[in-house]
PDB file of N, CA and C in Angstrom:
ATOM      1  N   MET A   1     138.111  28.338  46.729  1.00  0.00           N
ATOM      2  CA  MET A   1     136.884  27.970  46.919  1.00  0.00           C
ATOM      3  C   MET A   1     136.918  26.582  47.284  1.00  0.00           C
ATOM      4  N   THR A   2     135.517  26.001  47.761  1.00  0.00           N
ATOM      5  CA  THR A   2     135.395  24.805  48.270  1.00  0.00           C
ATOM      6  C   THR A   2     134.878  23.941  47.000  1.00  0.00           C
ATOM      7  N   HIS A   3     135.118  22.633  46.765  1.00  0.00           N
ATOM      8  CA  HIS A   3     134.552  21.654  46.011  1.00  0.00           C
ATOM      9  C   HIS A   3     133.381  21.255  46.757  1.00  0.00           C
ATOM     10  N   THR A   4     132.669  20.831  46.119  1.00  0.00           N
ATOM     11  CA  THR A   4     131.195  20.078  46.587  1.00  0.00           C
ATOM     12  C   THR A   4     130.809  19.259  45.767  1.00  0.00           C
ATOM     13  N   LYS A   5     130.109  18.121  45.992  1.00  0.00           N
ATOM     14  CA  LYS A   5     129.448  17.098  44.744  1.00  0.00           C
ATOM     15  C   LYS A   5     128.146  17.656  44.185  1.00  0.00           C
ATOM     16  N   ASP A   6     127.143  18.307  45.342  1.00  0.00           N
ATOM     17  CA  ASP A   6     126.151  18.846  44.483  1.00  0.00           C
ATOM     18  C   ASP A   6     126.028  20.006  43.790  1.00  0.00           C
ATOM     19  N   PRO A   7     125.588  19.714  42.524  1.00  0.00           N
ATOM     20  CA  PRO A   7     125.789  20.919  41.167  1.00  0.00           C
ATOM     21  C   PRO A   7     125.185  21.990  41.810  1.00  0.00           C
ATOM     22  N   MET A   8     124.541  22.202  42.411  1.00  0.00           N
ATOM     23  CA  MET A   8     123.272  23.265  43.007  1.00  0.00           C
ATOM     24  C   MET A   8     124.530  24.362  43.665  1.00  0.00           C
ATOM     25  N   ASP A   9     125.044  23.403  44.651  1.00  0.00           N
ATOM     26  CA  ASP A   9     126.083  24.237  45.411  1.00  0.00           C
ATOM     27  C   ASP A   9     126.689  24.868  44.846  1.00  0.00           C
ATOM     28  N   ARG A  10     127.613  23.968  44.025  1.00  0.00           N
ATOM     29  CA  ARG A  10     128.702  24.260  42.644  1.00  0.00           C
ATOM     30  C   ARG A  10     128.276  25.722  42.169  1.00  0.00           C
ATOM     31  N   LEU A  11     127.065  25.312  41.682  1.00  0.00           N
ATOM     32  CA  LEU A  11     126.581  26.821  40.666  1.00  0.00           C
ATOM     33  C   LEU A  11     126.355  27.843  41.763  1.00  0.00           C
ATOM     34  N   GLN A  12     125.862  27.485  42.782  1.00  0.00           N
ATOM     35  CA  GLN A  12     126.036  28.781  43.255  1.00  0.00           C
ATOM     36  C   GLN A  12     127.388  29.405  43.910  1.00  0.00           C
ATOM     37  N   LEU A  13     127.907  28.979  44.449  1.00  0.00           N
ATOM     38  CA  LEU A  13     129.811  28.978  44.425  1.00  0.00           C
ATOM     39  C   LEU A  13     129.979  29.683  43.191  1.00  0.00           C
ATOM     40  N   VAL A  14     129.847  29.497  42.195  1.00  0.00           N
ATOM     41  CA  VAL A  14     130.441  29.802  40.996  1.00  0.00           C
ATOM     42  C   VAL A  14     130.097  31.133  40.588  1.00  0.00           C
ATOM     43  N   LEU A  15     128.748  31.257  40.626  1.00  0.00           N
ATOM     44  CA  LEU A  15     127.954  32.822  40.459  1.00  0.00           C
ATOM     45  C   LEU A  15     128.471  33.466  41.857  1.00  0.00           C
ATOM     46  N   SER A  16     128.082  33.355  42.678  1.00  0.00           N
ATOM     47  CA  SER A  16     128.276  34.252  43.537  1.00  0.00           C
ATOM     48  C   SER A  16     130.092  34.875  43.550  1.00  0.00           C
ATOM     49  N   SER A  17     130.954  33.786  43.138  1.00  0.00           N
ATOM     50  CA  SER A  17     132.123  34.301  43.259  1.00  0.00           C
ATOM     51  C   SER A  17     132.371  35.543  41.627  1.00  0.00           C
ATOM     52  N   ALA A  18     131.759  34.741  40.997  1.00  0.00           N
ATOM     53  CA  ALA A  18     131.494  35.929  39.445  1.00  0.00           C
ATOM     54  C   ALA A  18     131.144  36.927  40.159  1.00  0.00           C
ATOM     55  N   HIS A  19     130.364  37.354  40.734  1.00  0.00           N
ATOM     56  CA  HIS A  19     129.257  38.361  40.830  1.00  0.00           C
ATOM     57  C   HIS A  19     130.454  39.187  42.200  1.00  0.00           C
ATOM     58  N   ARG A  20     130.824  38.421  43.055  1.00  0.00           N
ATOM     59  CA  ARG A  20     132.087  39.718  43.636  1.00  0.00           C
ATOM     60  C   ARG A  20     133.252  39.818  42.871  1.00  0.00           C
ATOM     61  N   THR A  21     133.460  39.342  41.702  1.00  0.00           N
ATOM     62  CA  THR A  21     134.706  39.768  41.310  1.00  0.00           C
ATOM     63  C   THR A  21     134.362  40.883  40.370  1.00  0.00           C
ATOM     64  N   LYS A  22     133.116  40.591  39.781  1.00  0.00           N
ATOM     65  CA  LYS A  22     132.644  41.582  39.056  1.00  0.00           C
ATOM     66  C   LYS A  22     133.453  42.027  37.597  1.00  0.00           C
ATOM     67  N   ALA A  23     133.728  41.066  36.843  1.00  0.00           N
ATOM     68  CA  ALA A  23     134.346  41.156  35.623  1.00  0.00           C
ATOM     69  C   ALA A  23     133.936  41.604  34.709  1.00  0.00           C
ATOM     70  N   HIS A  24     134.796  42.329  34.063  1.00  0.00           N
ATOM     71  CA  HIS A  24     134.201  42.967  32.498  1.00  0.00           C
ATOM     72  C   HIS A  24     133.864  41.970  31.566  1.00  0.00           C
ATOM     73  N   PRO A  25     132.618  42.622  30.839  1.00  0.00           N
ATOM     74  CA  PRO A  25     131.700  41.287  29.949  1.00  0.00           C
ATOM     75  C   PRO A  25     132.656  40.891  28.553  1.00  0.00           C
ATOM     76  N   SER A  26     133.615  41.722  28.345  1.00  0.00           N
ATOM     77  CA  SER A  26     134.372  41.385  27.461  1.00  0.00           C
ATOM     78  C   SER A  26     135.804  40.177  27.713  1.00  0.00           C
ATOM     79  N   ASP A  27     135.686  39.990  28.875  1.00  0.00           N
ATOM     80  CA  ASP A  27     136.632  38.688  29.374  1.00  0.00           C
ATOM     81  C   ASP A  27     135.769  37.445  28.945  1.00  0.00           C
ATOM     82  N   PHE A  28     134.354  37.530  29.128  1.00  0.00           N
ATOM     83  CA  PHE A  28     133.674  36.402  28.341  1.00  0.00           C
ATOM     84  C   PHE A  28     133.632  35.947  27.344  1.00  0.00           C
ATOM     85  N   THR A  29     133.856  37.085  26.175  1.00  0.00           N
ATOM     86  CA  THR A  29     134.317  36.674  24.929  1.00  0.00           C
ATOM     87  C   THR A  29     135.406  36.433  24.137  1.00  0.00           C
ATOM     88  N   GLY A  30     136.368  36.357  24.885  1.00  0.00           N
ATOM     89  CA  GLY A  30     137.789  36.402  24.402  1.00  0.00           C
ATOM     90  C   GLY A  30     137.975  35.009  23.600  1.00  0.00           C
ATOM     91  N   ARG A  31     139.130  34.670  23.237  1.00  0.00           N
ATOM     92  CA  ARG A  31     139.414  33.600  22.024  1.00  0.00           C
ATOM     93  C   ARG A  31     139.815  32.364  23.439  1.00  0.00           C
ATOM     94  N   GLN A  32     140.596  32.776  24.514  1.00  0.00           N
ATOM     95  CA  GLN A  32     140.830  31.732  25.344  1.00  0.00           C
ATOM     96  C   GLN A  32     139.546  31.209  26.438  1.00  0.00           C
ATOM     97  N   TRP A  33     138.703  32.263  26.521  1.00  0.00           N
ATOM     98  CA  TRP A  33     137.295  31.819  27.077  1.00  0.00           C
ATOM     99  C   TRP A  33     136.596  30.501  26.332  1.00  0.00           C
ATOM    100  N   ARG A  34     136.914  31.197  24.775  1.00  0.00           N
ATOM    101  CA  ARG A  34     135.652  30.017  23.734  1.00  0.00           C
ATOM    102  C   ARG A  34     136.221  29.002  23.666  1.00  0.00           C
ATOM    103  N   GLN A  35     137.794  28.691  23.916  1.00  0.00           N
ATOM    104  CA  GLN A  35     138.240  27.600  23.754  1.00  0.00           C
ATOM    105  C   GLN A  35     137.761  26.746  24.983  1.00  0.00           C
ATOM    106  N   HIS A  36     137.938  27.253  26.247  1.00  0.00           N
ATOM    107  CA  HIS A  36     137.815  26.910  27.223  1.00  0.00           C
ATOM    108  C   HIS A  36     136.421  25.988  27.368  1.00  0.00           C
ATOM    109  N   VAL A  37     135.476  26.575  26.714  1.00  0.00           N
ATOM    110  CA  VAL A  37     133.920  26.506  26.616  1.00  0.00           C
ATOM    111  C   VAL A  37     133.918  25.244  25.520  1.00  0.00           C
ATOM    112  N   MET A  38     134.668  25.201  24.672  1.00  0.00           N
ATOM    113  CA  MET A  38     134.553  24.128  23.574  1.00  0.00           C
ATOM    114  C   MET A  38     135.427  22.944  24.266  1.00  0.00           C
ATOM    115  N   GLN A  39     136.467  23.249  24.938  1.00  0.00           N
ATOM    116  CA  GLN A  39     137.106  21.726  25.560  1.00  0.00           C
ATOM    117  C   GLN A  39     136.049  21.362  26.462  1.00  0.00           C
ATOM    118  N   SER A  40     135.345  22.002  27.199  1.00  0.00           N
ATOM    119  CA  SER A  40     134.565  21.353  28.141  1.00  0.00           C
ATOM    120  C   SER A  40     133.480  20.788  27.321  1.00  0.00           C
ATOM    121  N   VAL A  41     132.905  21.317  26.645  1.00  0.00           N
ATOM    122  CA  VAL A  41     131.538  20.627  25.605  1.00  0.00           C
ATOM    123  C   VAL A  41     132.445  19.343  24.826  1.00  0.00           C
ATOM    124  N   ARG A  42     133.616  19.538  24.476  1.00  0.00           N
ATOM    125  CA  ARG A  42     134.073  18.070  23.851  1.00  0.00           C
ATOM    126  C   ARG A  42     134.505  16.898  25.020  1.00  0.00           C
ATOM    127  N   ARG A  43     134.694  17.367  26.416  1.00  0.00           N
ATOM    128  CA  ARG A  43     134.875  16.526  27.179  1.00  0.00           C
ATOM    129  C   ARG A  43     133.554  15.846  27.605  1.00  0.00           C
ATOM    130  N   VAL A  44     132.396  16.701  27.575  1.00  0.00           N
ATOM    131  CA  VAL A  44     131.476  15.941  27.989  1.00  0.00           C
ATOM    132  C   VAL A  44     130.933  14.942  27.168  1.00  0.00           C
ATOM    133  N   GLY A  45     131.013  15.221  25.689  1.00  0.00           N
ATOM    134  CA  GLY A  45     130.745  14.341  24.770  1.00  0.00           C
ATOM    135  C   GLY A  45     129.436  14.377  24.278  1.00  0.00           C
ATOM    136  N   VAL A  46     128.688  13.041  23.188  1.00  0.00           N
ATOM    137  CA  VAL A  46     127.652  12.624  23.245  1.00  0.00           C
ATOM    138  C   VAL A  46     126.948  12.151  23.941  1.00  0.00           C
ATOM    139  N   LEU A  47     125.897  12.444  24.624  1.00  0.00           N
ATOM    140  CA  LEU A  47     125.106  11.545  25.344  1.00  0.00           C
ATOM    141  C   LEU A  47     124.421  10.471  24.700  1.00  0.00           C
ATOM    142  N   HIS A  48     124.329   9.188  24.812  1.00  0.00           N
ATOM    143  CA  HIS A  48     123.851   8.109  24.328  1.00  0.00           C
ATOM    144  C   HIS A  48     122.879   7.570  25.450  1.00  0.00           C
ATOM    145  N   PRO A  49     122.050   6.983  25.465  1.00  0.00           N
ATOM    146  CA  PRO A  49     121.083   6.562  26.017  1.00  0.00           C
ATOM    147  C   PRO A  49     121.019   4.990  26.005  1.00  0.00           C
ATOM    148  N   ASP A  50     121.011   4.163  27.355  1.00  0.00           N
ATOM    149  CA  ASP A  50     121.176   2.779  27.218  1.00  0.00           C
ATOM    150  C   ASP A  50     120.503   2.062  26.081  1.00  0.00           C
ATOM    151  N   ALA A  51     120.924   0.743  25.655  1.00  0.00           N
ATOM    152  CA  ALA A  51     120.530   0.129  25.176  1.00  0.00           C
ATOM    153  C   ALA A  51     118.799  -0.456  24.961  1.00  0.00           C
ATOM    154  N   ASN A  52     118.741  -0.653  26.197  1.00  0.00           N
ATOM    155  CA  ASN A  52     117.539  -1.094  26.862  1.00  0.00           C
ATOM    156  C   ASN A  52     116.665  -0.313  27.393  1.00  0.00           C
ATOM    157  N   SER A  53     117.096   0.961  27.045  1.00  0.00           N
ATOM    158  CA  SER A  53     116.339   2.274  27.855  1.00  0.00           C
ATOM    159  C   SER A  53     114.646   2.421  27.335  1.00  0.00           C
ATOM    160  N   VAL A  54     113.609   2.794  28.303  1.00  0.00           N
ATOM    161  CA  VAL A  54     112.645   3.028  27.686  1.00  0.00           C
ATOM    162  C   VAL A  54     112.556   4.527  26.911  1.00  0.00           C
ATOM    163  N   PHE A  55     113.535   5.094  26.588  1.00  0.00           N
ATOM    164  CA  PHE A  55     113.443   6.515  26.190  1.00  0.00           C
ATOM    165  C   PHE A  55     113.323   6.339  24.971  1.00  0.00           C
ATOM    166  N   LYS A  56     113.897   4.910  24.433  1.00  0.00           N
ATOM    167  CA  LYS A  56     113.895   4.968  22.799  1.00  0.00           C
ATOM    168  C   LYS A  56     112.898   4.597  22.230  1.00  0.00           C
ATOM    169  N   PHE A  57     111.607   4.424  23.058  1.00  0.00           N
ATOM    170  CA  PHE A  57     110.326   4.082  22.674  1.00  0.00           C
ATOM    171  C   PHE A  57     109.753   4.928  21.741  1.00  0.00           C
ATOM    172  N   PRO A  58     109.496   6.472  22.207  1.00  0.00           N
ATOM    173  CA  PRO A  58     109.196   7.525  21.365  1.00  0.00           C
ATOM    174  C   PRO A  58     110.302   7.862  20.000  1.00  0.00           C
ATOM    175  N   GLN A  59     111.194   7.244  19.826  1.00  0.00           N
ATOM    176  CA  GLN A  59     111.791   7.481  18.786  1.00  0.00           C
ATOM    177  C   GLN A  59     111.470   6.506  17.845  1.00  0.00           C
ATOM    178  N   LEU A  60     110.982   5.408  18.065  1.00  0.00           N
ATOM    179  CA  LEU A  60     110.848   4.517  17.576  1.00  0.00           C
ATOM    180  C   LEU A  60     109.532   4.352  17.180  1.00  0.00           C
ATOM    181  N   ALA A  61     108.515   5.182  17.827  1.00  0.00           N
ATOM    182  CA  ALA A  61     106.989   5.853  17.205  1.00  0.00           C
ATOM    183  C   ALA A  61     107.272   6.833  16.251  1.00  0.00           C
ATOM    184  N   TRP A  62     107.953   7.954  16.407  1.00  0.00           N
ATOM    185  CA  TRP A  62     108.223   8.851  15.612  1.00  0.00           C
ATOM    186  C   TRP A  62     109.029   8.197  14.275  1.00  0.00           C
ATOM    187  N   ARG A  63     109.542   7.062  14.314  1.00  0.00           N
ATOM    188  CA  ARG A  63     109.891   6.543  13.009  1.00  0.00           C
ATOM    189  C   ARG A  63     109.027   5.411  12.083  1.00  0.00           C
ATOM    190  N   LEU A  64     107.899   5.056  12.807  1.00  0.00           N
ATOM    191  CA  LEU A  64     106.919   4.320  12.546  1.00  0.00           C
ATOM    192  C   LEU A  64     105.861   4.840  11.814  1.00  0.00           C
ATOM    193  N   ALA A  65     105.905   6.136  12.393  1.00  0.00           N
ATOM    194  CA  ALA A  65     104.785   7.424  12.316  1.00  0.00           C
ATOM    195  C   ALA A  65     104.132   7.154  10.879  1.00  0.00           C
ATOM    196  N   PRO A  66     105.382   7.614   9.614  1.00  0.00           N
ATOM    197  CA  PRO A  66     105.059   7.721   8.484  1.00  0.00           C
ATOM    198  C   PRO A  66     104.380   6.295   7.745  1.00  0.00           C
ATOM    199  N   ALA A  67     105.109   5.452   8.271  1.00  0.00           N
ATOM    200  CA  ALA A  67     104.205   4.103   7.768  1.00  0.00           C
ATOM    201  C   ALA A  67     102.919   3.922   8.012  1.00  0.00           C
ATOM    202  N   ALA A  68     102.514   3.981   9.384  1.00  0.00           N
ATOM    203  CA  ALA A  68     101.659   4.129  10.136  1.00  0.00           C
ATOM    204  C   ALA A  68     100.218   5.160   9.272  1.00  0.00           C
ATOM    205  N   LEU A  69     100.825   6.285   8.868  1.00  0.00           N
ATOM    206  CA  LEU A  69      99.961   7.204   8.173  1.00  0.00           C
ATOM    207  C   LEU A  69      99.914   6.723   6.728  1.00  0.00           C
ATOM    208  N   ALA A  70     100.794   5.846   6.172  1.00  0.00           N
ATOM    209  CA  ALA A  70     100.323   5.387   5.216  1.00  0.00           C
ATOM    210  C   ALA A  70      99.462   4.115   4.789  1.00  0.00           C
ATOM    211  N   LEU A  71      99.521   3.520   5.609  1.00  0.00           N
ATOM    212  CA  LEU A  71      98.767   2.316   6.078  1.00  0.00           C
ATOM    213  C   LEU A  71      96.971   2.681   6.223  1.00  0.00           C
ATOM    214  N   MET A  72      97.318   3.489   7.087  1.00  0.00           N
ATOM    215  CA  MET A  72      95.693   4.336   7.154  1.00  0.00           C
ATOM    216  C   MET A  72      95.284   4.872   5.990  1.00  0.00           C
ATOM    217  N   ILE A  73      96.112   5.903   5.514  1.00  0.00           N
ATOM    218  CA  ILE A  73      95.514   6.351   3.602  1.00  0.00           C
ATOM    219  C   ILE A  73      95.126   5.302   2.761  1.00  0.00           C
ATOM    220  N   LEU A  74      96.226   4.102   2.857  1.00  0.00           N
ATOM    221  CA  LEU A  74      95.882   2.686   1.902  1.00  0.00           C
ATOM    222  C   LEU A  74      94.600   2.359   2.352  1.00  0.00           C
ATOM    223  N   LEU A  75      94.435   2.272   3.588  1.00  0.00           N
ATOM    224  CA  LEU A  75      92.659   1.520   3.812  1.00  0.00           C
ATOM    225  C   LEU A  75      91.637   2.303   3.807  1.00  0.00           C
ATOM    226  N   ALA A  76      91.761   3.464   3.766  1.00  0.00           N
ATOM    227  CA  ALA A  76      90.734   4.357   3.846  1.00  0.00           C
ATOM    228  C   ALA A  76      90.358   4.239   2.199  1.00  0.00           C
ATOM    229  N   VAL A  77      91.252   4.533   1.607  1.00  0.00           N
ATOM    230  CA  VAL A  77      90.888   4.521   0.219  1.00  0.00           C
ATOM    231  C   VAL A  77      90.386   3.282  -0.424  1.00  0.00           C
ATOM    232  N   MET A  78      90.794   1.967  -0.009  1.00  0.00           N
ATOM    233  CA  MET A  78      90.309   0.624  -0.121  1.00  0.00           C
ATOM    234  C   MET A  78      88.698   0.847   0.322  1.00  0.00           C
ATOM    235  N   ILE A  79      88.753   0.974   1.165  1.00  0.00           N
ATOM    236  CA  ILE A  79      87.101   0.962   1.756  1.00  0.00           C
ATOM    237  C   ILE A  79      85.929   2.017   1.044  1.00  0.00           C
ATOM    238  N   MET A  80      86.814   3.169   0.599  1.00  0.00           N
ATOM    239  CA  MET A  80      86.126   4.253  -0.133  1.00  0.00           C
ATOM    240  C   MET A  80      85.687   3.429  -1.416  1.00  0.00           C
ATOM    241  N   LYS A  81      86.690   2.970  -2.113  1.00  0.00           N
ATOM    242  CA  LYS A  81      86.644   2.210  -3.203  1.00  0.00           C
ATOM    243  C   LYS A  81      85.714   0.972  -3.646  1.00  0.00           C
ATOM    244  N   ILE A  82      86.025   0.241  -1.965  1.00  0.00           N
ATOM    245  CA  ILE A  82      84.681  -0.952  -2.339  1.00  0.00           C
ATOM    246  C   ILE A  82      83.630  -0.662  -2.026  1.00  0.00           C
ATOM    247  N   GLY A  83      83.606   0.241  -1.069  1.00  0.00           N
ATOM    248  CA  GLY A  83      82.156   0.815  -0.503  1.00  0.00           C
ATOM    249  C   GLY A  83      81.123   0.011  -0.056  1.00  0.00           C
ATOM    250  N   ASP A  84      79.822  -0.256  -0.891  1.00  0.00           N
ATOM    251  CA  ASP A  84      78.785  -1.123  -0.523  1.00  0.00           C
ATOM    252  C   ASP A  84      78.957  -2.467  -1.376  1.00  0.00           C
ATOM    253  N   SER A  85      79.835  -2.382  -2.334  1.00  0.00           N
ATOM    254  CA  SER A  85      79.880  -3.412  -3.061  1.00  0.00           C
ATOM    255  C   SER A  85      80.624  -4.749  -2.619  1.00  0.00           C
ATOM    256  N   LEU A  86      80.974  -4.742  -1.567  1.00  0.00           N
ATOM    257  CA  LEU A  86      81.543  -5.535  -0.710  1.00  0.00           C
ATOM    258  C   LEU A  86      80.398  -6.499  -0.162  1.00  0.00           C
ATOM    259  N   GLU A  87      79.420  -5.774   0.494  1.00  0.00           N
ATOM    260  CA  GLU A  87      78.175  -5.833   1.352  1.00  0.00           C
ATOM    261  C   GLU A  87      77.170  -6.471   0.279  1.00  0.00           C
ATOM    262  N   PHE A  88      77.194  -6.248  -1.004  1.00  0.00           N
ATOM    263  CA  PHE A  88      76.351  -6.680  -2.133  1.00  0.00           C
ATOM    264  C   PHE A  88      76.854  -7.899  -2.425  1.00  0.00           C
ATOM    265  N   HIS A  89      78.246  -8.203  -2.828  1.00  0.00           N
ATOM    266  CA  HIS A  89      78.556  -9.377  -2.909  1.00  0.00           C
ATOM    267  C   HIS A  89      78.216 -10.525  -1.756  1.00  0.00           C
ATOM    268  N   LEU A  90      78.588 -10.283  -0.654  1.00  0.00           N
ATOM    269  CA  LEU A  90      78.286 -11.211   0.450  1.00  0.00           C
ATOM    270  C   LEU A  90      77.244 -11.523   0.398  1.00  0.00           C
ATOM    271  N   VAL A  91      75.504 -10.488   0.171  1.00  0.00           N
ATOM    272  CA  VAL A  91      74.351 -11.081   0.465  1.00  0.00           C
ATOM    273  C   VAL A  91      74.006 -11.828  -1.141  1.00  0.00           C
ATOM    274  N   GLY A  92      74.677 -11.357  -2.084  1.00  0.00           N
ATOM    275  CA  GLY A  92      74.619 -12.411  -3.144  1.00  0.00           C
ATOM    276  C   GLY A  92      75.267 -13.747  -3.060  1.00  0.00           C
ATOM    277  N   LEU A  93      76.001 -13.595  -2.079  1.00  0.00           N
ATOM    278  CA  LEU A  93      76.941 -15.380  -2.320  1.00  0.00           C
ATOM    279  C   LEU A  93      75.606 -16.068  -0.990  1.00  0.00           C
ATOM    280  N   MET A  94      75.251 -15.269  -0.119  1.00  0.00           N
ATOM    281  CA  MET A  94      74.085 -16.020   0.682  1.00  0.00           C
ATOM    282  C   MET A  94      72.427 -16.672  -0.025  1.00  0.00           C
ATOM    283  N   VAL A  95      72.181 -15.594  -0.781  1.00  0.00           N
ATOM    284  CA  VAL A  95      71.521 -15.597  -1.473  1.00  0.00           C
ATOM    285  C   VAL A  95      71.101 -16.857  -2.473  1.00  0.00           C
ATOM    286  N   SER A  96      71.873 -16.665  -3.289  1.00  0.00           N
ATOM    287  CA  SER A  96      72.154 -17.644  -4.369  1.00  0.00           C
ATOM    288  C   SER A  96      71.983 -18.723  -4.097  1.00  0.00           C
ATOM    289  N   ASP A  97      72.682 -19.678  -3.034  1.00  0.00           N
ATOM    290  CA  ASP A  97      72.648 -20.728  -2.312  1.00  0.00           C
ATOM    291  C   ASP A  97      72.472 -20.859  -1.086  1.00  0.00           C
ATOM    292  N   PRO A  98      71.664 -20.469  -0.602  1.00  0.00           N
ATOM    293  CA  PRO A  98      71.790 -20.717   0.989  1.00  0.00           C
ATOM    294  C   PRO A  98      71.593 -21.925   1.631  1.00  0.00           C
ATOM    295  N   VAL A  99      71.026 -23.111   0.635  1.00  0.00           N
ATOM    296  CA  VAL A  99      71.438 -24.274   1.311  1.00  0.00           C
ATOM    297  C   VAL A  99      72.630 -25.064   1.525  1.00  0.00           C
ATOM    298  N   GLN A 100      73.132 -24.437   0.732  1.00  0.00           N
ATOM    299  CA  GLN A 100      74.669 -24.962   0.245  1.00  0.00           C
ATOM    300  C   GLN A 100      75.395 -23.936   1.036  1.00  0.00           C
ATOM    301  N   THR A 101      75.275 -22.920   1.650  1.00  0.00           N
ATOM    302  CA  THR A 101      76.110 -22.143   1.802  1.00  0.00           C
ATOM    303  C   THR A 101      76.088 -22.531   3.898  1.00  0.00           C
ATOM    304  N   TYR A 102      74.529 -22.643   4.197  1.00  0.00           N
ATOM    305  CA  TYR A 102      74.661 -23.221   5.496  1.00  0.00           C
ATOM    306  C   TYR A 102      74.860 -24.679   6.019  1.00  0.00           C
ATOM    307  N   ILE A 103      74.245 -25.592   4.879  1.00  0.00           N
ATOM    308  CA  ILE A 103      74.367 -26.840   5.565  1.00  0.00           C
ATOM    309  C   ILE A 103      74.960 -27.513   4.288  1.00  0.00           C
ATOM    310  N   PRO A 104      76.027 -27.818   4.823  1.00  0.00           N
ATOM    311  CA  PRO A 104      76.782 -28.828   3.864  1.00  0.00           C
ATOM    312  C   PRO A 104      75.963 -29.937   3.412  1.00  0.00           C
ATOM    313  N   ILE A 105      76.041 -30.254   2.194  1.00  0.00           N
ATOM    314  CA  ILE A 105      75.360 -31.455   1.549  1.00  0.00           C
ATOM    315  C   ILE A 105      76.348 -32.013   1.008  1.00  0.00           C
ATOM    316  N   GLU A 106      76.727 -33.354   1.419  1.00  0.00           N
ATOM    317  CA  GLU A 106      77.849 -34.254   0.736  1.00  0.00           C
ATOM    318  C   GLU A 106      77.235 -35.063  -0.595  1.00  0.00           C
ATOM    319  N   PRO A 107      77.616 -35.065  -1.494  1.00  0.00           N
ATOM    320  CA  PRO A 107      77.124 -35.779  -2.809  1.00  0.00           C
ATOM    321  C   PRO A 107      77.111 -37.259  -2.399  1.00  0.00           C
ATOM    322  N   LEU A 108      75.679 -37.816  -2.889  1.00  0.00           N
ATOM    323  CA  LEU A 108      75.659 -39.711  -2.706  1.00  0.00           C
ATOM    324  C   LEU A 108      76.679 -40.222  -3.431  1.00  0.00           C
TER     325      LEU A 108
END
């Protein structure tokens, strides 16, 4: 078998050679085959993205999602609880002493 760098060519060679040999399916379920597969997986190892990778943004967004949801619920409850009373208090402040609110008068 020739060695190529292109993964697709290599895959095609492996599949075509497997098809030509017409191996029995029990050959792929044996203990030795399983050990070989697990060794290959261990060799690959865990894939860690770079520290400055853009792909960490979705992970960060999902980690912050519960806090954002809690903040939205808290703000919604506060708005429903305050309701019109905030407007009433602001209007009351402006009407109670409009001259002092808009024109600061210094004492003599």
